[in-house]
Amino acid sequence: MKQYSLEEIKAIYHKDLLELVFEAATVHRQHQDPQKIQICTLKSIKTGNCPEDCGYCSQSAHNDAQVESHKLVAVEEVIKEAKEAKEAGSSRFCMGAAWRGVRDNKDFENVLKMVEAVSNLGLEVCCTLGSLDEESASRLKKAGLHAYNHNLDTGPDYYNKVVTTRTYEDRLRTLKIVQDAGICLCSGGILGMGESEDDRIAMLYDFHRLATPPESIPINALIPVEGTKMENLEALPTDQLVRMTATTRIVIPTTRVRLSAGRSRLSYLEQGLCFLAGANSIFSGNRLLTTPNQSLTQDEEMMQVLGLIAEKVEK
């Protein structure tokens, strides 16, 4: 993979939009099947009362969002929903717990059971559980975990405007632990939190210079939630979402670029421009943890309109 400097990535990002999309689409076709997208399902297995103070998150105990909290769900519920997700076309099942990090307790033992059961269904399993240590990562890998999600959220210079209970270096440390354990890394960011375009580029640069770039990079557009510190921010312009998608595809051509939160406010054609620019994965289902998402019926219609097909899991 070609190595880019920060200045080179900036130059790519700031190309004329149509030229940028054309270049990204060309790179995409060299490394991916542009007709296929991976469909993922995301389930919140433990919701609310998170001790982190992420300014965008409805689950933070520091915010006043009216999210209904619940403890870790039953293993049987997860298995049931994973089977339904597979029948609906998902090839990856992702589980998120509102924890600061993994602890060696009964809840983690149950998460390991969930991972093993979902993996045995023939699905890729992804978890996002906060920070990890080496032992926890090893146990997740042994249980059958395919990927671990831990977002950088934004670039290093803007990071402390978003969250102060965990440092940027803490997040990078978890990324290394995940990769050292032989688990695929899923890590992305959220656009539209008040950051500059340079902050987004700096985040992408940090992904690019990892020893192994992330297997998947979710690109989220902020969904302002009432009761959070970012509730009054304006919606991200679609062209900026397309621009980030295209730049990510050019700079890290082999990664899955996941069109994630905020997708439901885009028209089918706007989403199509993102797919043309290199996005090749979506989260499907009515909710993404606690925020709304495009419905399964809408996704089926969109894929038919755009001529996209769901990628089958290869396990």
Protein backbone atom coordinates (compact mmCIF):
# COMPACT_ATOMS: atom_id res chain seq x y z
CA MET A 1 0.00 0.00 0.00
CA LYS A 2 1.30 3.44 -0.92
CA GLN A 3 2.44 5.61 1.98
CA TYR A 4 1.07 9.15 2.04
CA SER A 5 2.27 12.13 4.02
CA LEU A 6 -0.23 14.29 5.89
CA GLU A 7 0.15 17.01 3.26
CA GLU A 8 -0.50 14.54 0.45
CA ILE A 9 -3.72 13.38 2.12
CA LYS A 10 -4.81 17.00 2.50
CA ALA A 11 -4.21 17.56 -1.21
CA ILE A 12 -6.33 14.53 -2.08
CA TYR A 13 -9.13 15.59 0.26
CA HIS A 14 -9.31 19.11 -1.23
CA LYS A 15 -9.49 18.09 -4.91
CA ASP A 16 -12.51 19.20 -6.89
CA LEU A 17 -15.32 16.98 -5.68
CA LEU A 18 -16.18 15.25 -8.96
CA GLU A 19 -12.51 14.61 -9.74
CA LEU A 20 -12.07 13.20 -6.22
CA VAL A 21 -15.05 10.88 -6.56
CA PHE A 22 -13.85 9.69 -9.99
CA GLU A 23 -10.41 8.86 -8.60
CA ALA A 24 -11.92 7.08 -5.58
CA ALA A 25 -14.30 5.10 -7.79
CA THR A 26 -11.35 4.00 -9.93
CA VAL A 27 -9.36 2.85 -6.90
CA HIS A 28 -12.46 1.15 -5.50
CA ARG A 29 -12.86 -0.95 -8.65
CA GLN A 30 -9.21 -1.98 -8.53
CA HIS A 31 -9.57 -3.48 -5.05
CA GLN A 32 -13.29 -4.24 -4.49
CA ASP A 33 -16.38 -5.44 -6.31
CA PRO A 34 -18.32 -2.14 -6.55
CA GLN A 35 -21.67 -3.91 -6.77
CA LYS A 36 -21.28 -5.72 -3.44
CA ILE A 37 -21.75 -4.25 0.00
CA GLN A 38 -21.51 -5.90 3.38
CA ILE A 39 -24.62 -5.61 5.52
CA CYS A 40 -24.03 -5.50 9.27
CA THR A 41 -26.43 -5.53 12.21
CA LEU A 42 -25.63 -3.64 15.41
CA LYS A 43 -27.20 -4.53 18.75
CA SER A 44 -26.85 -2.73 22.07
CA ILE A 45 -26.28 -5.48 24.62
CA LYS A 46 -25.87 -3.07 27.55
CA THR A 47 -27.29 0.45 27.33
CA GLY A 48 -26.78 3.69 29.27
CA ASN A 49 -24.99 4.89 32.43
CA CYS A 50 -21.61 4.92 30.71
CA PRO A 51 -18.94 6.70 32.81
CA GLU A 52 -17.32 8.26 29.74
CA ASP A 53 -18.22 11.90 28.97
CA CYS A 54 -18.35 11.73 25.14
CA GLY A 55 -20.19 14.88 24.14
CA TYR A 56 -22.14 13.25 21.32
CA CYS A 57 -23.40 10.19 23.16
CA SER A 58 -26.89 9.64 24.57
CA GLN A 59 -25.53 6.83 26.76
CA SER A 60 -23.09 8.96 28.74
CA ALA A 61 -23.94 9.39 32.42
CA HIS A 62 -22.58 12.95 32.06
CA ASN A 63 -25.30 13.93 29.55
CA ASP A 64 -29.01 14.52 30.09
CA ALA A 65 -30.32 12.48 27.18
CA GLN A 66 -33.44 10.47 27.99
CA VAL A 67 -32.12 7.06 27.00
CA GLU A 68 -33.57 4.01 28.70
CA SER A 69 -30.77 2.15 30.47
CA HIS A 70 -30.62 -1.61 30.76
CA LYS A 71 -28.15 -4.16 32.08
CA LEU A 72 -26.52 -6.81 29.91
CA VAL A 73 -29.14 -8.67 27.88
CA ALA A 74 -29.54 -12.44 27.98
CA VAL A 75 -27.39 -14.65 25.76
CA GLU A 76 -30.54 -16.24 24.31
CA GLU A 77 -31.84 -12.86 23.14
CA VAL A 78 -28.61 -12.16 21.29
CA ILE A 79 -28.67 -15.56 19.57
CA LYS A 80 -32.27 -15.01 18.47
CA GLU A 81 -31.53 -11.58 17.00
CA ALA A 82 -28.35 -12.79 15.33
CA LYS A 83 -30.33 -15.55 13.56
CA GLU A 84 -32.89 -12.96 12.41
CA ALA A 85 -30.11 -10.67 11.18
CA LYS A 86 -28.56 -13.47 9.15
CA GLU A 87 -31.93 -14.32 7.59
CA ALA A 88 -32.34 -10.64 6.67
CA GLY A 89 -29.02 -10.62 4.80
CA SER A 90 -26.45 -9.51 7.38
CA SER A 91 -23.06 -11.19 7.30
CA ARG A 92 -21.67 -9.38 10.38
CA PHE A 93 -23.30 -9.08 13.79
CA CYS A 94 -21.96 -6.33 16.04
CA MET A 95 -22.56 -6.02 19.78
CA GLY A 96 -22.04 -2.85 21.78
CA ALA A 97 -21.90 -2.42 25.55
CA ALA A 98 -21.81 1.00 27.23
CA TRP A 99 -18.75 0.22 29.33
CA ARG A 100 -15.58 2.18 29.95
CA GLY A 101 -13.74 -1.07 29.45
CA VAL A 102 -13.87 -4.82 29.87
CA ARG A 103 -13.64 -6.25 33.37
CA ASP A 104 -13.12 -9.86 34.35
CA ASN A 105 -16.59 -10.59 35.72
CA LYS A 106 -19.79 -12.51 35.01
CA ASP A 107 -20.92 -10.00 32.39
CA PHE A 108 -17.74 -10.53 30.38
CA GLU A 109 -18.16 -14.30 30.68
CA ASN A 110 -21.63 -13.91 29.14
CA VAL A 111 -20.25 -11.73 26.34
CA LEU A 112 -17.77 -14.50 25.55
CA LYS A 113 -20.70 -16.93 25.32
CA MET A 114 -22.47 -14.51 22.96
CA VAL A 115 -19.40 -14.24 20.75
CA GLU A 116 -18.99 -17.99 20.52
CA ALA A 117 -22.69 -18.60 19.80
CA VAL A 118 -22.93 -15.94 17.08
CA SER A 119 -19.70 -17.10 15.47
CA ASN A 120 -21.10 -20.63 15.36
CA LEU A 121 -24.00 -19.29 13.28
CA GLY A 122 -21.55 -18.52 10.49
CA LEU A 123 -21.54 -14.76 11.04
CA GLU A 124 -18.60 -12.44 11.49
CA VAL A 125 -18.75 -11.21 15.09
CA CYS A 126 -17.71 -7.70 16.10
CA CYS A 127 -17.80 -6.17 19.59
CA THR A 128 -17.36 -2.69 21.00
CA LEU A 129 -16.86 -2.85 24.75
CA GLY A 130 -14.53 0.05 25.53
CA SER A 131 -10.87 -0.40 26.38
CA LEU A 132 -9.22 -3.81 26.41
CA ASP A 133 -6.20 -5.38 28.06
CA GLU A 134 -4.15 -8.15 26.49
CA GLU A 135 -5.83 -10.97 28.45
CA SER A 136 -9.37 -9.83 27.56
CA ALA A 137 -8.42 -9.48 23.89
CA SER A 138 -6.95 -12.99 23.89
CA ARG A 139 -10.10 -14.47 25.42
CA LEU A 140 -12.32 -12.70 22.88
CA LYS A 141 -10.17 -14.01 20.04
CA LYS A 142 -10.36 -17.54 21.42
CA ALA A 143 -14.17 -17.28 21.69
CA GLY A 144 -14.38 -16.52 17.96
CA LEU A 145 -14.36 -12.72 17.77
CA HIS A 146 -13.66 -11.57 14.21
CA ALA A 147 -13.39 -7.81 14.74
CA TYR A 148 -13.27 -5.24 17.51
CA ASN A 149 -14.59 -1.70 17.12
CA HIS A 150 -12.87 1.15 18.94
CA ASN A 151 -13.25 4.52 17.22
CA LEU A 152 -10.74 7.35 17.40
CA ASP A 153 -13.77 9.66 16.90
CA THR A 154 -11.73 12.60 15.60
CA GLY A 155 -8.19 13.91 15.17
CA PRO A 156 -5.77 14.33 18.09
CA ASP A 157 -5.98 18.13 18.29
CA TYR A 158 -9.78 18.19 18.64
CA TYR A 159 -10.14 15.03 20.69
CA ASN A 160 -10.31 16.70 24.14
CA LYS A 161 -13.20 18.87 22.92
CA VAL A 162 -15.20 15.65 22.50
CA VAL A 163 -14.19 13.51 25.49
CA THR A 164 -11.99 14.08 28.55
CA THR A 165 -12.39 10.80 30.46
CA ARG A 166 -10.15 8.90 28.04
CA THR A 167 -7.15 10.23 26.11
CA TYR A 168 -6.39 9.85 22.44
CA GLU A 169 -3.32 7.84 23.41
CA ASP A 170 -5.57 5.50 25.44
CA ARG A 171 -7.55 4.80 22.30
CA LEU A 172 -4.44 4.17 20.22
CA ARG A 173 -3.24 1.76 22.91
CA THR A 174 -6.44 -0.27 22.63
CA LEU A 175 -6.10 -0.37 18.83
CA LYS A 176 -2.64 -1.89 19.22
CA ILE A 177 -3.85 -4.47 21.75
CA VAL A 178 -6.63 -5.52 19.35
CA GLN A 179 -4.25 -5.98 16.44
CA ASP A 180 -1.57 -7.71 18.53
CA ALA A 181 -4.23 -10.27 19.54
CA GLY A 182 -4.86 -11.10 15.88
CA ILE A 183 -8.34 -9.53 15.87
CA CYS A 184 -9.46 -7.43 12.90
CA LEU A 185 -9.62 -3.76 13.78
CA CYS A 186 -12.72 -1.67 13.09
CA SER A 187 -12.09 1.99 13.88
CA GLY A 188 -13.54 5.18 12.48
CA GLY A 189 -14.78 8.61 13.38
CA ILE A 190 -17.73 10.95 13.68
CA LEU A 191 -18.00 13.95 11.38
CA GLY A 192 -19.86 17.14 12.26
CA MET A 193 -18.92 17.53 15.94
CA GLY A 194 -17.53 21.00 15.40
CA GLU A 195 -14.14 19.76 14.23
CA SER A 196 -12.28 21.20 11.25
CA GLU A 197 -11.63 19.33 8.03
CA ASP A 198 -7.97 19.23 9.06
CA ASP A 199 -9.00 17.30 12.19
CA ARG A 200 -10.72 14.68 10.02
CA ILE A 201 -7.67 14.41 7.78
CA ALA A 202 -5.39 14.01 10.82
CA MET A 203 -7.56 11.12 12.06
CA LEU A 204 -7.35 9.42 8.66
CA TYR A 205 -3.59 9.96 8.63
CA ASP A 206 -3.30 8.17 11.98
CA PHE A 207 -5.27 5.21 10.60
CA HIS A 208 -3.09 5.16 7.51
CA ARG A 209 0.17 5.00 9.46
CA LEU A 210 -0.81 2.13 11.74
CA ALA A 211 1.37 -0.95 11.17
CA THR A 212 -1.75 -2.56 9.67
CA PRO A 213 -4.57 -0.19 8.66
CA PRO A 214 -8.05 -0.97 10.04
CA GLU A 215 -9.93 -3.77 8.32
CA SER A 216 -12.96 -1.48 8.38
CA ILE A 217 -13.45 2.25 8.91
CA PRO A 218 -16.95 3.42 9.89
CA ILE A 219 -17.68 6.98 8.75
CA ASN A 220 -20.42 8.45 10.93
CA ALA A 221 -22.25 11.76 10.56
CA LEU A 222 -23.25 13.19 13.93
CA ILE A 223 -26.88 12.71 14.87
CA PRO A 224 -27.48 15.51 17.40
CA VAL A 225 -29.35 14.02 20.36
CA GLU A 226 -31.35 16.18 22.76
CA GLY A 227 -29.70 16.29 26.17
CA THR A 228 -26.13 15.87 24.87
CA LYS A 229 -23.52 18.60 24.67
CA MET A 230 -23.76 18.56 20.86
CA GLU A 231 -27.55 18.71 20.57
CA ASN A 232 -27.56 22.08 18.78
CA LEU A 233 -24.97 21.38 16.09
CA GLU A 234 -26.09 21.62 12.46
CA ALA A 235 -26.27 18.58 10.19
CA LEU A 236 -23.12 17.75 8.27
CA PRO A 237 -23.27 18.82 4.58
CA THR A 238 -23.50 15.72 2.40
CA ASP A 239 -20.60 16.77 0.19
CA GLN A 240 -18.28 16.59 3.22
CA LEU A 241 -19.40 13.04 3.96
CA VAL A 242 -18.75 12.09 0.32
CA ARG A 243 -15.37 13.82 0.39
CA MET A 244 -14.25 11.90 3.51
CA THR A 245 -15.49 8.62 2.06
CA ALA A 246 -13.59 9.14 -1.17
CA THR A 247 -10.36 10.18 0.54
CA THR A 248 -10.50 7.17 2.85
CA ARG A 249 -10.96 4.84 -0.13
CA ILE A 250 -7.96 6.33 -1.98
CA VAL A 251 -5.62 6.39 1.02
CA ILE A 252 -6.57 2.95 2.42
CA PRO A 253 -7.84 1.10 -0.67
CA THR A 254 -8.31 -2.34 0.94
CA THR A 255 -10.42 -1.32 3.94
CA ARG A 256 -14.17 -1.64 4.23
CA VAL A 257 -15.58 1.87 4.36
CA ARG A 258 -18.78 1.69 6.40
CA LEU A 259 -21.45 4.28 5.73
CA SER A 260 -22.74 4.39 9.29
CA ALA A 261 -24.65 6.81 11.55
CA GLY A 262 -26.51 9.62 9.79
CA ARG A 263 -27.24 7.56 6.70
CA SER A 264 -31.00 7.71 7.28
CA ARG A 265 -31.11 11.44 6.47
CA LEU A 266 -29.57 10.89 3.03
CA SER A 267 -31.57 10.23 -0.10
CA TYR A 268 -30.91 7.05 -2.04
CA LEU A 269 -28.97 9.04 -4.63
CA GLU A 270 -26.85 10.75 -1.96
CA GLN A 271 -26.05 7.34 -0.51
CA GLY A 272 -25.31 6.17 -4.04
CA LEU A 273 -22.69 8.90 -4.42
CA CYS A 274 -21.03 7.60 -1.23
CA PHE A 275 -21.03 4.05 -2.63
CA LEU A 276 -19.58 5.34 -5.90
CA ALA A 277 -16.88 7.08 -3.85
CA GLY A 278 -15.88 3.82 -2.19
CA ALA A 279 -18.26 2.97 0.66
CA ASN A 280 -18.96 -0.77 0.64
CA SER A 281 -20.70 -1.54 3.90
CA ILE A 282 -23.76 -0.40 5.87
CA PHE A 283 -25.44 -1.04 9.19
CA SER A 284 -28.97 -2.20 8.59
CA GLY A 285 -31.95 -2.23 10.95
CA ASN A 286 -34.18 0.42 12.48
CA ARG A 287 -31.69 1.53 15.16
CA LEU A 288 -27.95 2.00 15.63
CA LEU A 289 -27.57 1.43 19.37
CA THR A 290 -29.86 4.32 20.44
CA THR A 291 -30.26 6.42 17.29
CA PRO A 292 -32.59 5.89 14.30
CA ASN A 293 -31.44 4.20 11.12
CA GLN A 294 -32.85 3.42 7.70
CA SER A 295 -35.29 0.49 7.85
CA LEU A 296 -34.72 -2.93 6.28
CA THR A 297 -37.48 -2.23 3.76
CA GLN A 298 -35.84 1.05 2.76
CA ASP A 299 -32.47 -0.66 2.43
CA GLU A 300 -33.92 -3.31 0.14
CA GLU A 301 -35.48 -0.61 -2.01
CA MET A 302 -32.28 1.46 -2.06
CA MET A 303 -30.15 -1.51 -3.07
CA GLN A 304 -32.56 -2.34 -5.88
CA VAL A 305 -32.52 1.25 -7.13
CA LEU A 306 -28.72 1.41 -7.04
CA GLY A 307 -28.09 -2.11 -8.32
CA LEU A 308 -26.27 -3.25 -5.17
CA ILE A 309 -26.18 -6.77 -3.77
CA ALA A 310 -25.43 -8.05 -0.28
CA GLU A 311 -22.08 -9.72 0.16
CA LYS A 312 -22.18 -13.20 1.66
CA VAL A 313 -19.96 -14.02 4.60
CA GLU A 314 -16.97 -16.23 3.82
CA LYS A 315 -16.26 -18.37 6.85
